[in-house]
Amino acid sequence: MGDYWTTDRTTDNGTTGSARALTAGLLMAGWVALLWVLEGIDVATGHALDTYGISPREMAELRDVVPAAFLHSGWEHVASNSVPLLVLGFIAALAGLRRFAAVVLTIILASGIGVWLTAPENTITLGASGVVFGLLGYLLVRGFVDRRPWDVLIGIGVAVVYGSLLWGVLPTNTGVSWQGHLFGLIGGVAAAFLFRRPSARRGPDTLVTV
């Protein structure tokens, strides 16, 4: 299997594939480590950080849309999100950090605002699973949007490994925010279109006769 970006083993901006993979790996390892550190602080302070979760339809709570994506309700919760976030985030970040940052921000906002609008009263929602579902949706459709066969194959591989997560968008567990999952997924799909590569933005093909 050849290098992902070009035959001369460099990316579009001149960065080698191995250097970009190292950067993506370090970024995601740092992100996951941050989640564990924050959970440790939360536990040590008697869950004081839970106040940064999202309480629905309270205007002041809109400021918690971003921090809520980095907090969890316990060690089991953060553990369940760590591996899929690490894997899916790494794959997505290989395409470039600026694009990745834009995609993740879109997902966090879509998931968080969706929760704020639709979550039941008297609930507090937090966790990175909205981002996980968003990255899943993003990777599933990115190849088709960008018209890149290799990314289509990556999306198929992601579907095989993590496709069962999609059941999480259904309201089957009262203790799990299916709203965060659903709106995160929608945000990821939207991000694939919003931040598609320029080569995908083209007009209709010209009809040529011979």
N, C-alpha and C. Protein backbone atom coordinates (compact mmCIF):
# COMPACT_ATOMS: atom_id res chain seq x y z
N MET A 1 0.85 -1.19 0.00
CA MET A 1 0.00 0.00 0.00
C MET A 1 0.89 1.24 0.00
N GLY A 2 0.68 2.15 -0.93
CA GLY A 2 1.52 3.32 -1.06
C GLY A 2 1.20 4.38 -0.03
N ASP A 3 2.00 5.45 -0.06
CA ASP A 3 1.77 6.55 0.85
C ASP A 3 0.46 7.23 0.52
N TYR A 4 -0.18 7.79 1.54
CA TYR A 4 -1.54 8.31 1.38
C TYR A 4 -1.58 9.53 0.48
N TRP A 5 -0.63 10.45 0.60
CA TRP A 5 -0.82 11.74 -0.06
C TRP A 5 -0.25 11.79 -1.48
N THR A 6 1.04 11.60 -1.67
CA THR A 6 1.61 11.71 -3.01
C THR A 6 2.67 10.66 -3.21
N THR A 7 3.04 10.45 -4.46
CA THR A 7 4.03 9.43 -4.76
C THR A 7 5.42 9.82 -4.29
N ASP A 8 5.67 11.12 -4.06
CA ASP A 8 6.98 11.52 -3.56
C ASP A 8 7.01 11.58 -2.03
N ARG A 9 5.96 11.00 -1.41
CA ARG A 9 5.90 10.83 0.04
C ARG A 9 5.83 12.17 0.77
N THR A 10 5.22 13.17 0.16
CA THR A 10 4.99 14.43 0.83
C THR A 10 3.53 14.79 0.71
N THR A 11 3.07 15.62 1.62
CA THR A 11 1.69 16.08 1.57
C THR A 11 1.59 17.28 0.65
N ASP A 12 0.38 17.80 0.50
CA ASP A 12 0.15 18.93 -0.38
C ASP A 12 0.97 20.15 0.04
N ASN A 13 1.23 20.31 1.34
CA ASN A 13 1.99 21.48 1.78
C ASN A 13 3.46 21.16 2.03
N GLY A 14 3.92 20.01 1.56
CA GLY A 14 5.32 19.66 1.66
C GLY A 14 5.68 18.86 2.90
N THR A 15 4.76 18.61 3.79
CA THR A 15 5.02 17.83 4.99
C THR A 15 5.02 16.35 4.65
N THR A 16 6.00 15.62 5.14
CA THR A 16 6.03 14.20 4.87
C THR A 16 4.92 13.49 5.60
N GLY A 17 4.48 12.35 5.03
CA GLY A 17 3.42 11.59 5.66
C GLY A 17 3.79 11.13 7.04
N SER A 18 5.05 10.72 7.24
CA SER A 18 5.48 10.23 8.55
C SER A 18 5.48 11.35 9.58
N ALA A 19 5.88 12.56 9.16
CA ALA A 19 5.88 13.69 10.10
C ALA A 19 4.46 14.06 10.49
N ARG A 20 3.55 14.03 9.53
CA ARG A 20 2.16 14.36 9.84
C ARG A 20 1.55 13.30 10.74
N ALA A 21 1.88 12.04 10.51
CA ALA A 21 1.37 10.97 11.37
C ALA A 21 1.88 11.14 12.80
N LEU A 22 3.15 11.52 12.95
CA LEU A 22 3.70 11.75 14.28
C LEU A 22 2.99 12.90 14.97
N THR A 23 2.75 13.98 14.24
CA THR A 23 2.06 15.14 14.81
C THR A 23 0.64 14.78 15.23
N ALA A 24 -0.06 14.05 14.35
CA ALA A 24 -1.43 13.63 14.67
C ALA A 24 -1.46 12.72 15.89
N GLY A 25 -0.50 11.81 15.97
CA GLY A 25 -0.44 10.90 17.11
C GLY A 25 -0.17 11.63 18.41
N LEU A 26 0.77 12.57 18.39
CA LEU A 26 1.08 13.33 19.59
C LEU A 26 -0.11 14.20 20.01
N LEU A 27 -0.79 14.79 19.03
CA LEU A 27 -1.96 15.61 19.34
C LEU A 27 -3.03 14.80 20.05
N MET A 28 -3.36 13.64 19.50
CA MET A 28 -4.44 12.85 20.07
C MET A 28 -4.04 12.22 21.40
N ALA A 29 -2.78 11.83 21.53
CA ALA A 29 -2.31 11.30 22.82
C ALA A 29 -2.40 12.38 23.89
N GLY A 30 -2.04 13.62 23.52
CA GLY A 30 -2.14 14.73 24.46
C GLY A 30 -3.58 15.04 24.81
N TRP A 31 -4.46 14.96 23.81
CA TRP A 31 -5.88 15.24 24.06
C TRP A 31 -6.47 14.22 25.04
N VAL A 32 -6.22 12.95 24.78
CA VAL A 32 -6.75 11.91 25.66
C VAL A 32 -6.14 12.03 27.06
N ALA A 33 -4.86 12.33 27.13
CA ALA A 33 -4.23 12.51 28.44
C ALA A 33 -4.89 13.67 29.20
N LEU A 34 -5.22 14.74 28.48
CA LEU A 34 -5.90 15.88 29.11
C LEU A 34 -7.23 15.46 29.71
N LEU A 35 -7.98 14.61 29.00
CA LEU A 35 -9.27 14.15 29.51
C LEU A 35 -9.10 13.42 30.84
N TRP A 36 -8.06 12.59 30.92
CA TRP A 36 -7.82 11.85 32.16
C TRP A 36 -7.37 12.77 33.29
N VAL A 37 -6.54 13.76 32.96
CA VAL A 37 -6.11 14.72 33.98
C VAL A 37 -7.30 15.51 34.52
N LEU A 38 -8.16 15.95 33.62
CA LEU A 38 -9.35 16.71 34.04
C LEU A 38 -10.27 15.86 34.90
N GLU A 39 -10.40 14.58 34.55
CA GLU A 39 -11.24 13.72 35.38
C GLU A 39 -10.62 13.52 36.76
N GLY A 40 -9.28 13.43 36.81
CA GLY A 40 -8.61 13.33 38.10
C GLY A 40 -8.85 14.56 38.96
N ILE A 41 -8.79 15.73 38.33
CA ILE A 41 -9.08 16.97 39.06
C ILE A 41 -10.52 16.99 39.53
N ASP A 42 -11.43 16.52 38.66
CA ASP A 42 -12.85 16.50 39.02
C ASP A 42 -13.09 15.61 40.23
N VAL A 43 -12.49 14.44 40.23
CA VAL A 43 -12.66 13.51 41.35
C VAL A 43 -12.04 14.10 42.62
N ALA A 44 -10.85 14.70 42.49
CA ALA A 44 -10.15 15.24 43.66
C ALA A 44 -10.89 16.43 44.28
N THR A 45 -11.69 17.11 43.49
CA THR A 45 -12.41 18.29 43.98
C THR A 45 -13.88 18.00 44.26
N GLY A 46 -14.21 16.72 44.40
CA GLY A 46 -15.60 16.37 44.69
C GLY A 46 -16.52 16.67 43.53
N HIS A 47 -16.02 16.46 42.30
CA HIS A 47 -16.79 16.67 41.07
C HIS A 47 -17.21 18.13 40.88
N ALA A 48 -16.30 19.02 41.25
CA ALA A 48 -16.57 20.45 41.07
C ALA A 48 -16.65 20.85 39.61
N LEU A 49 -15.98 20.10 38.74
CA LEU A 49 -15.97 20.46 37.32
C LEU A 49 -17.28 20.12 36.62
N ASP A 50 -18.12 19.32 37.27
CA ASP A 50 -19.40 18.96 36.65
C ASP A 50 -20.27 20.18 36.38
N THR A 51 -19.97 21.26 37.07
CA THR A 51 -20.76 22.48 36.85
C THR A 51 -20.58 23.04 35.45
N TYR A 52 -19.53 22.58 34.76
CA TYR A 52 -19.29 23.02 33.39
C TYR A 52 -19.98 22.13 32.36
N GLY A 53 -20.79 21.18 32.82
CA GLY A 53 -21.64 20.43 31.91
C GLY A 53 -22.78 21.31 31.41
N ILE A 54 -23.52 20.82 30.45
CA ILE A 54 -24.57 21.61 29.80
C ILE A 54 -25.92 21.34 30.45
N SER A 55 -26.51 22.38 30.99
CA SER A 55 -27.90 22.33 31.46
C SER A 55 -28.76 22.95 30.38
N PRO A 56 -29.79 22.26 29.93
CA PRO A 56 -30.52 22.71 28.73
C PRO A 56 -31.31 23.99 28.92
N ARG A 57 -31.31 24.77 27.85
CA ARG A 57 -32.16 25.96 27.68
C ARG A 57 -31.97 27.03 28.75
N GLU A 58 -30.78 27.09 29.32
CA GLU A 58 -30.40 28.18 30.19
C GLU A 58 -29.33 28.99 29.44
N MET A 59 -29.59 30.26 29.20
CA MET A 59 -28.71 31.05 28.35
C MET A 59 -27.27 31.04 28.84
N ALA A 60 -27.07 31.11 30.15
CA ALA A 60 -25.71 31.13 30.69
C ALA A 60 -24.96 29.84 30.40
N GLU A 61 -25.69 28.75 30.15
CA GLU A 61 -25.07 27.45 29.93
C GLU A 61 -24.46 27.32 28.53
N LEU A 62 -24.77 28.23 27.64
CA LEU A 62 -24.18 28.17 26.30
C LEU A 62 -22.66 28.28 26.35
N ARG A 63 -22.15 28.95 27.36
CA ARG A 63 -20.69 29.09 27.47
C ARG A 63 -20.03 27.77 27.85
N ASP A 64 -20.83 26.79 28.30
CA ASP A 64 -20.27 25.50 28.69
C ASP A 64 -20.28 24.48 27.55
N VAL A 65 -20.73 24.88 26.37
CA VAL A 65 -20.80 23.95 25.25
C VAL A 65 -19.44 23.36 24.92
N VAL A 66 -18.40 24.20 24.94
CA VAL A 66 -17.05 23.71 24.61
C VAL A 66 -16.43 22.94 25.77
N PRO A 67 -16.35 23.48 27.00
CA PRO A 67 -15.72 22.71 28.08
C PRO A 67 -16.41 21.40 28.39
N ALA A 68 -17.72 21.31 28.17
CA ALA A 68 -18.43 20.07 28.47
C ALA A 68 -17.90 18.89 27.66
N ALA A 69 -17.34 19.17 26.48
CA ALA A 69 -16.82 18.10 25.62
C ALA A 69 -15.52 17.51 26.15
N PHE A 70 -14.93 18.12 27.17
CA PHE A 70 -13.66 17.65 27.71
C PHE A 70 -13.81 17.06 29.12
N LEU A 71 -15.03 16.99 29.61
CA LEU A 71 -15.28 16.52 30.97
C LEU A 71 -16.10 15.24 30.96
N HIS A 72 -16.00 14.47 32.06
CA HIS A 72 -16.70 13.19 32.13
C HIS A 72 -17.26 12.97 33.53
N SER A 73 -18.12 11.99 33.63
CA SER A 73 -18.82 11.73 34.89
C SER A 73 -18.18 10.62 35.71
N GLY A 74 -17.01 10.16 35.34
CA GLY A 74 -16.34 9.11 36.09
C GLY A 74 -15.26 8.45 35.25
N TRP A 75 -14.46 7.61 35.91
CA TRP A 75 -13.36 6.96 35.20
C TRP A 75 -13.86 6.04 34.09
N GLU A 76 -14.94 5.33 34.35
CA GLU A 76 -15.48 4.43 33.33
C GLU A 76 -15.95 5.21 32.10
N HIS A 77 -16.51 6.38 32.35
CA HIS A 77 -17.00 7.23 31.27
C HIS A 77 -15.84 7.69 30.39
N VAL A 78 -14.79 8.23 30.99
CA VAL A 78 -13.66 8.72 30.21
C VAL A 78 -12.94 7.56 29.52
N ALA A 79 -12.90 6.40 30.17
CA ALA A 79 -12.25 5.24 29.55
C ALA A 79 -13.00 4.79 28.30
N SER A 80 -14.33 4.83 28.35
CA SER A 80 -15.12 4.37 27.21
C SER A 80 -14.95 5.27 25.98
N ASN A 81 -14.60 6.53 26.21
CA ASN A 81 -14.43 7.47 25.10
C ASN A 81 -12.99 7.55 24.59
N SER A 82 -12.04 7.11 25.40
CA SER A 82 -10.63 7.37 25.09
C SER A 82 -10.15 6.68 23.82
N VAL A 83 -10.41 5.38 23.69
CA VAL A 83 -9.88 4.64 22.54
C VAL A 83 -10.51 5.09 21.22
N PRO A 84 -11.84 5.16 21.12
CA PRO A 84 -12.39 5.63 19.83
C PRO A 84 -12.00 7.06 19.50
N LEU A 85 -11.88 7.92 20.51
CA LEU A 85 -11.44 9.29 20.24
C LEU A 85 -10.01 9.30 19.73
N LEU A 86 -9.15 8.51 20.34
CA LEU A 86 -7.75 8.43 19.93
C LEU A 86 -7.64 7.93 18.49
N VAL A 87 -8.35 6.87 18.17
CA VAL A 87 -8.24 6.26 16.84
C VAL A 87 -8.87 7.15 15.77
N LEU A 88 -10.11 7.55 15.98
CA LEU A 88 -10.81 8.34 14.97
C LEU A 88 -10.17 9.72 14.82
N GLY A 89 -9.75 10.31 15.94
CA GLY A 89 -9.09 11.61 15.88
C GLY A 89 -7.77 11.54 15.13
N PHE A 90 -7.00 10.48 15.37
CA PHE A 90 -5.74 10.31 14.66
C PHE A 90 -5.96 10.22 13.15
N ILE A 91 -6.91 9.42 12.74
CA ILE A 91 -7.19 9.26 11.30
C ILE A 91 -7.61 10.60 10.70
N ALA A 92 -8.50 11.31 11.38
CA ALA A 92 -8.98 12.59 10.86
C ALA A 92 -7.87 13.63 10.82
N ALA A 93 -7.00 13.64 11.82
CA ALA A 93 -5.94 14.65 11.91
C ALA A 93 -4.86 14.45 10.86
N LEU A 94 -4.77 13.27 10.27
CA LEU A 94 -3.78 13.03 9.23
C LEU A 94 -3.97 13.94 8.02
N ALA A 95 -5.17 14.43 7.82
CA ALA A 95 -5.46 15.29 6.67
C ALA A 95 -4.99 16.72 6.88
N GLY A 96 -4.49 17.05 8.08
CA GLY A 96 -4.02 18.40 8.35
C GLY A 96 -4.64 18.96 9.61
N LEU A 97 -3.84 19.65 10.40
CA LEU A 97 -4.32 20.09 11.71
C LEU A 97 -5.30 21.25 11.62
N ARG A 98 -5.12 22.15 10.67
CA ARG A 98 -6.07 23.26 10.56
C ARG A 98 -7.46 22.76 10.18
N ARG A 99 -7.51 21.87 9.22
CA ARG A 99 -8.79 21.29 8.84
C ARG A 99 -9.38 20.50 10.00
N PHE A 100 -8.54 19.76 10.69
CA PHE A 100 -9.00 18.96 11.82
C PHE A 100 -9.58 19.84 12.91
N ALA A 101 -8.90 20.95 13.21
CA ALA A 101 -9.39 21.86 14.25
C ALA A 101 -10.75 22.43 13.87
N ALA A 102 -10.92 22.79 12.59
CA ALA A 102 -12.20 23.33 12.14
C ALA A 102 -13.30 22.28 12.23
N VAL A 103 -12.98 21.05 11.88
CA VAL A 103 -13.94 19.96 11.95
C VAL A 103 -14.36 19.71 13.39
N VAL A 104 -13.40 19.62 14.29
CA VAL A 104 -13.69 19.33 15.69
C VAL A 104 -14.52 20.45 16.32
N LEU A 105 -14.17 21.70 16.03
CA LEU A 105 -14.94 22.81 16.58
C LEU A 105 -16.38 22.77 16.09
N THR A 106 -16.57 22.46 14.81
CA THR A 106 -17.92 22.33 14.26
C THR A 106 -18.71 21.24 14.98
N ILE A 107 -18.06 20.12 15.22
CA ILE A 107 -18.71 18.99 15.89
C ILE A 107 -19.08 19.37 17.32
N ILE A 108 -18.15 19.98 18.04
CA ILE A 108 -18.42 20.35 19.44
C ILE A 108 -19.59 21.32 19.52
N LEU A 109 -19.61 22.31 18.65
CA LEU A 109 -20.70 23.29 18.67
C LEU A 109 -22.03 22.64 18.30
N ALA A 110 -22.02 21.79 17.26
CA ALA A 110 -23.26 21.13 16.84
C ALA A 110 -23.79 20.22 17.93
N SER A 111 -22.92 19.43 18.52
CA SER A 111 -23.34 18.50 19.57
C SER A 111 -23.81 19.26 20.81
N GLY A 112 -23.02 20.24 21.24
CA GLY A 112 -23.35 20.97 22.45
C GLY A 112 -24.62 21.79 22.34
N ILE A 113 -24.77 22.49 21.22
CA ILE A 113 -25.98 23.29 21.04
C ILE A 113 -27.20 22.39 20.87
N GLY A 114 -27.01 21.26 20.18
CA GLY A 114 -28.11 20.30 20.06
C GLY A 114 -28.57 19.79 21.41
N VAL A 115 -27.61 19.49 22.28
CA VAL A 115 -27.94 19.06 23.65
C VAL A 115 -28.66 20.18 24.38
N TRP A 116 -28.15 21.39 24.27
CA TRP A 116 -28.75 22.54 24.96
C TRP A 116 -30.21 22.74 24.55
N LEU A 117 -30.49 22.47 23.28
CA LEU A 117 -31.84 22.68 22.77
C LEU A 117 -32.80 21.54 23.12
N THR A 118 -32.31 20.32 23.20
CA THR A 118 -33.22 19.16 23.22
C THR A 118 -33.10 18.26 24.44
N ALA A 119 -32.08 18.41 25.27
CA ALA A 119 -31.93 17.52 26.42
C ALA A 119 -33.07 17.72 27.41
N PRO A 120 -33.41 16.70 28.19
CA PRO A 120 -34.48 16.83 29.18
C PRO A 120 -34.13 17.85 30.26
N GLU A 121 -35.14 18.41 30.87
CA GLU A 121 -34.94 19.33 31.98
C GLU A 121 -34.24 18.63 33.14
N ASN A 122 -33.57 19.42 33.95
CA ASN A 122 -32.91 18.93 35.17
C ASN A 122 -31.85 17.86 34.88
N THR A 123 -31.14 18.02 33.75
CA THR A 123 -30.04 17.13 33.42
C THR A 123 -28.79 17.95 33.19
N ILE A 124 -27.64 17.31 33.38
CA ILE A 124 -26.34 17.91 33.07
C ILE A 124 -25.63 16.95 32.12
N THR A 125 -25.24 17.45 30.96
CA THR A 125 -24.63 16.60 29.93
C THR A 125 -23.18 17.00 29.74
N LEU A 126 -22.31 16.01 29.80
CA LEU A 126 -20.89 16.25 29.53
C LEU A 126 -20.27 14.97 28.98
N GLY A 127 -19.13 15.11 28.34
CA GLY A 127 -18.44 13.96 27.77
C GLY A 127 -17.99 14.20 26.35
N ALA A 128 -17.02 13.40 25.92
CA ALA A 128 -16.44 13.53 24.58
C ALA A 128 -17.12 12.65 23.55
N SER A 129 -18.20 11.95 23.92
CA SER A 129 -18.81 11.03 22.97
C SER A 129 -19.44 11.77 21.79
N GLY A 130 -19.88 13.02 21.99
CA GLY A 130 -20.39 13.79 20.86
C GLY A 130 -19.31 13.99 19.82
N VAL A 131 -18.08 14.23 20.27
CA VAL A 131 -16.95 14.38 19.35
C VAL A 131 -16.66 13.05 18.67
N VAL A 132 -16.72 11.96 19.41
CA VAL A 132 -16.48 10.63 18.83
C VAL A 132 -17.48 10.36 17.71
N PHE A 133 -18.75 10.61 17.96
CA PHE A 133 -19.77 10.37 16.94
C PHE A 133 -19.58 11.33 15.76
N GLY A 134 -19.17 12.56 16.05
CA GLY A 134 -18.93 13.50 14.97
C GLY A 134 -17.78 13.08 14.08
N LEU A 135 -16.69 12.63 14.68
CA LEU A 135 -15.55 12.16 13.89
C LEU A 135 -15.92 10.92 13.09
N LEU A 136 -16.75 10.06 13.68
CA LEU A 136 -17.23 8.89 12.96
C LEU A 136 -18.00 9.31 11.72
N GLY A 137 -18.97 10.22 11.88
CA GLY A 137 -19.74 10.69 10.73
C GLY A 137 -18.87 11.36 9.69
N TYR A 138 -17.92 12.15 10.16
CA TYR A 138 -17.01 12.85 9.25
C TYR A 138 -16.21 11.88 8.40
N LEU A 139 -15.63 10.88 9.04
CA LEU A 139 -14.80 9.92 8.30
C LEU A 139 -15.62 9.03 7.38
N LEU A 140 -16.86 8.76 7.74
CA LEU A 140 -17.71 7.91 6.90
C LEU A 140 -18.03 8.56 5.56
N VAL A 141 -18.16 9.89 5.54
CA VAL A 141 -18.60 10.56 4.31
C VAL A 141 -17.49 11.38 3.64
N ARG A 142 -16.39 11.61 4.33
CA ARG A 142 -15.34 12.49 3.79
C ARG A 142 -14.84 12.06 2.41
N GLY A 143 -14.60 10.78 2.24
CA GLY A 143 -14.07 10.30 0.97
C GLY A 143 -15.01 10.55 -0.19
N PHE A 144 -16.31 10.39 0.05
CA PHE A 144 -17.29 10.63 -1.01
C PHE A 144 -17.39 12.12 -1.33
N VAL A 145 -17.31 12.96 -0.30
CA VAL A 145 -17.40 14.40 -0.51
C VAL A 145 -16.16 14.92 -1.25
N ASP A 146 -14.98 14.44 -0.84
CA ASP A 146 -13.74 14.88 -1.46
C ASP A 146 -13.42 14.14 -2.75
N ARG A 147 -14.17 13.09 -3.03
CA ARG A 147 -13.95 12.26 -4.22
C ARG A 147 -12.54 11.68 -4.23
N ARG A 148 -12.18 11.12 -3.09
CA ARG A 148 -10.87 10.49 -2.93
C ARG A 148 -11.07 9.01 -2.60
N PRO A 149 -10.75 8.13 -3.53
CA PRO A 149 -10.99 6.70 -3.32
C PRO A 149 -10.33 6.16 -2.05
N TRP A 150 -9.12 6.64 -1.73
CA TRP A 150 -8.45 6.12 -0.55
C TRP A 150 -9.23 6.47 0.72
N ASP A 151 -9.76 7.69 0.76
CA ASP A 151 -10.56 8.10 1.93
C ASP A 151 -11.88 7.34 2.00
N VAL A 152 -12.41 6.95 0.84
CA VAL A 152 -13.61 6.12 0.83
C VAL A 152 -13.30 4.77 1.48
N LEU A 153 -12.15 4.20 1.15
CA LEU A 153 -11.75 2.93 1.74
C LEU A 153 -11.53 3.07 3.25
N ILE A 154 -10.94 4.19 3.66
CA ILE A 154 -10.76 4.44 5.09
C ILE A 154 -12.13 4.50 5.77
N GLY A 155 -13.07 5.19 5.14
CA GLY A 155 -14.41 5.28 5.70
C GLY A 155 -15.07 3.92 5.84
N ILE A 156 -14.85 3.06 4.86
CA ILE A 156 -15.42 1.71 4.94
C ILE A 156 -14.79 0.95 6.10
N GLY A 157 -13.48 1.09 6.26
CA GLY A 157 -12.80 0.44 7.38
C GLY A 157 -13.31 0.94 8.72
N VAL A 158 -13.51 2.25 8.82
CA VAL A 158 -14.05 2.83 10.04
C VAL A 158 -15.46 2.30 10.31
N ALA A 159 -16.25 2.16 9.25
CA ALA A 159 -17.61 1.64 9.41
C ALA A 159 -17.60 0.21 9.93
N VAL A 160 -16.66 -0.60 9.44
CA VAL A 160 -16.57 -1.99 9.88
C VAL A 160 -16.22 -2.07 11.37
N VAL A 161 -15.28 -1.23 11.79
CA VAL A 161 -14.81 -1.30 13.18
C VAL A 161 -15.75 -0.60 14.15
N TYR A 162 -16.24 0.59 13.76
CA TYR A 162 -17.00 1.42 14.69
C TYR A 162 -18.44 1.68 14.27
N GLY A 163 -18.88 1.04 13.20
CA GLY A 163 -20.23 1.30 12.72
C GLY A 163 -21.32 0.99 13.74
N SER A 164 -21.07 0.03 14.62
CA SER A 164 -22.08 -0.33 15.62
C SER A 164 -22.37 0.81 16.59
N LEU A 165 -21.45 1.78 16.67
CA LEU A 165 -21.68 2.93 17.55
C LEU A 165 -22.90 3.74 17.12
N LEU A 166 -23.27 3.63 15.85
CA LEU A 166 -24.37 4.44 15.33
C LEU A 166 -25.69 4.16 16.05
N TRP A 167 -25.81 2.99 16.68
CA TRP A 167 -27.01 2.72 17.47
C TRP A 167 -27.14 3.69 18.64
N GLY A 168 -26.04 4.34 18.99
CA GLY A 168 -26.06 5.27 20.10
C GLY A 168 -26.82 6.56 19.85
N VAL A 169 -27.26 6.77 18.60
CA VAL A 169 -28.06 7.96 18.32
C VAL A 169 -29.53 7.74 18.64
N LEU A 170 -29.87 6.52 19.02
CA LEU A 170 -31.26 6.20 19.36
C LEU A 170 -31.48 6.33 20.87
N PRO A 171 -32.66 6.76 21.28
CA PRO A 171 -32.95 6.97 22.72
C PRO A 171 -33.23 5.66 23.44
N THR A 172 -32.20 4.83 23.57
CA THR A 172 -32.39 3.51 24.18
C THR A 172 -31.91 3.44 25.62
N ASN A 173 -31.15 4.44 26.07
CA ASN A 173 -30.60 4.42 27.43
C ASN A 173 -30.80 5.79 28.04
N THR A 174 -31.57 5.86 29.11
CA THR A 174 -31.90 7.15 29.72
C THR A 174 -30.70 7.81 30.36
N GLY A 175 -29.65 7.05 30.64
CA GLY A 175 -28.46 7.63 31.27
C GLY A 175 -27.42 8.09 30.28
N VAL A 176 -27.71 7.96 29.00
CA VAL A 176 -26.75 8.34 27.94
C VAL A 176 -27.38 9.40 27.06
N SER A 177 -26.61 10.42 26.72
CA SER A 177 -27.13 11.51 25.91
C SER A 177 -27.14 11.12 24.43
N TRP A 178 -28.25 10.52 23.99
CA TRP A 178 -28.36 10.23 22.57
C TRP A 178 -28.44 11.52 21.77
N GLN A 179 -28.88 12.60 22.41
CA GLN A 179 -28.93 13.90 21.72
C GLN A 179 -27.51 14.36 21.35
N GLY A 180 -26.58 14.22 22.30
CA GLY A 180 -25.20 14.59 22.02
C GLY A 180 -24.61 13.75 20.90
N HIS A 181 -24.94 12.44 20.90
CA HIS A 181 -24.46 11.55 19.85
C HIS A 181 -25.03 11.96 18.50
N LEU A 182 -26.34 12.16 18.45
CA LEU A 182 -27.01 12.46 17.19
C LEU A 182 -26.52 13.78 16.60
N PHE A 183 -26.49 14.83 17.41
CA PHE A 183 -26.08 16.12 16.88
C PHE A 183 -24.57 16.17 16.60
N GLY A 184 -23.80 15.38 17.33
CA GLY A 184 -22.39 15.26 17.01
C GLY A 184 -22.20 14.61 15.65
N LEU A 185 -22.95 13.55 15.40
CA LEU A 185 -22.89 12.86 14.10
C LEU A 185 -23.28 13.82 12.98
N ILE A 186 -24.36 14.57 13.18
CA ILE A 186 -24.80 15.54 12.18
C ILE A 186 -23.71 16.59 11.95
N GLY A 187 -23.09 17.06 13.03
CA GLY A 187 -22.02 18.04 12.90
C GLY A 187 -20.84 17.51 12.12
N GLY A 188 -20.50 16.23 12.33
CA GLY A 188 -19.39 15.64 11.59
C GLY A 188 -19.67 15.52 10.11
N VAL A 189 -20.88 15.12 9.75
CA VAL A 189 -21.26 15.02 8.35
C VAL A 189 -21.26 16.41 7.72
N ALA A 190 -21.80 17.39 8.44
CA ALA A 190 -21.82 18.76 7.92
C ALA A 190 -20.40 19.28 7.72
N ALA A 191 -19.49 18.96 8.65
CA ALA A 191 -18.11 19.42 8.54
C ALA A 191 -17.42 18.85 7.31
N ALA A 192 -17.77 17.63 6.92
CA ALA A 192 -17.18 17.04 5.72
C ALA A 192 -17.50 17.88 4.49
N PHE A 193 -18.70 18.46 4.46
CA PHE A 193 -19.09 19.31 3.34
C PHE A 193 -18.53 20.73 3.49
N LEU A 194 -18.56 21.26 4.71
CA LEU A 194 -18.09 22.62 4.93
C LEU A 194 -16.60 22.77 4.66
N PHE A 195 -15.83 21.74 4.97
CA PHE A 195 -14.38 21.82 4.86
C PHE A 195 -13.82 20.83 3.85
N ARG A 196 -14.61 20.55 2.82
CA ARG A 196 -14.12 19.65 1.77
C ARG A 196 -12.96 20.29 1.04
N ARG A 197 -12.13 19.46 0.45
CA ARG A 197 -10.96 19.96 -0.26
C ARG A 197 -11.37 20.74 -1.50
N PRO A 198 -10.58 21.75 -1.90
CA PRO A 198 -10.95 22.59 -3.05
C PRO A 198 -11.18 21.79 -4.32
N SER A 199 -10.47 20.68 -4.49
CA SER A 199 -10.63 19.89 -5.71
C SER A 199 -12.03 19.32 -5.84
N ALA A 200 -12.75 19.24 -4.71
CA ALA A 200 -14.12 18.71 -4.76
C ALA A 200 -15.11 19.77 -5.16
N ARG A 201 -14.71 21.06 -5.10
CA ARG A 201 -15.60 22.14 -5.46
C ARG A 201 -15.44 22.45 -6.94
N ARG A 202 -16.12 21.77 -7.77
CA ARG A 202 -15.99 21.99 -9.19
C ARG A 202 -17.37 22.03 -9.83
N GLY A 203 -17.42 22.64 -10.99
CA GLY A 203 -18.69 22.75 -11.68
C GLY A 203 -19.02 21.47 -12.43
N PRO A 204 -20.11 21.51 -13.23
CA PRO A 204 -20.51 20.32 -13.99
C PRO A 204 -19.43 19.95 -15.01
N ASP A 205 -19.28 18.65 -15.27
CA ASP A 205 -18.35 18.18 -16.27
C ASP A 205 -18.76 18.68 -17.66
N THR A 206 -17.76 18.98 -18.49
CA THR A 206 -18.03 19.43 -19.85
C THR A 206 -18.28 18.21 -20.74
N LEU A 207 -19.33 18.25 -21.52
CA LEU A 207 -19.64 17.16 -22.43
C LEU A 207 -18.79 17.32 -23.69
N VAL A 208 -18.02 16.29 -24.00
CA VAL A 208 -17.15 16.31 -25.18
C VAL A 208 -17.58 15.19 -26.11
N THR A 209 -17.79 15.54 -27.35
CA THR A 209 -18.17 14.53 -28.35
C THR A 209 -17.02 14.27 -29.31
N VAL A 210 -16.95 13.07 -29.85
CA VAL A 210 -15.91 12.71 -30.81
C VAL A 210 -16.52 12.08 -32.04
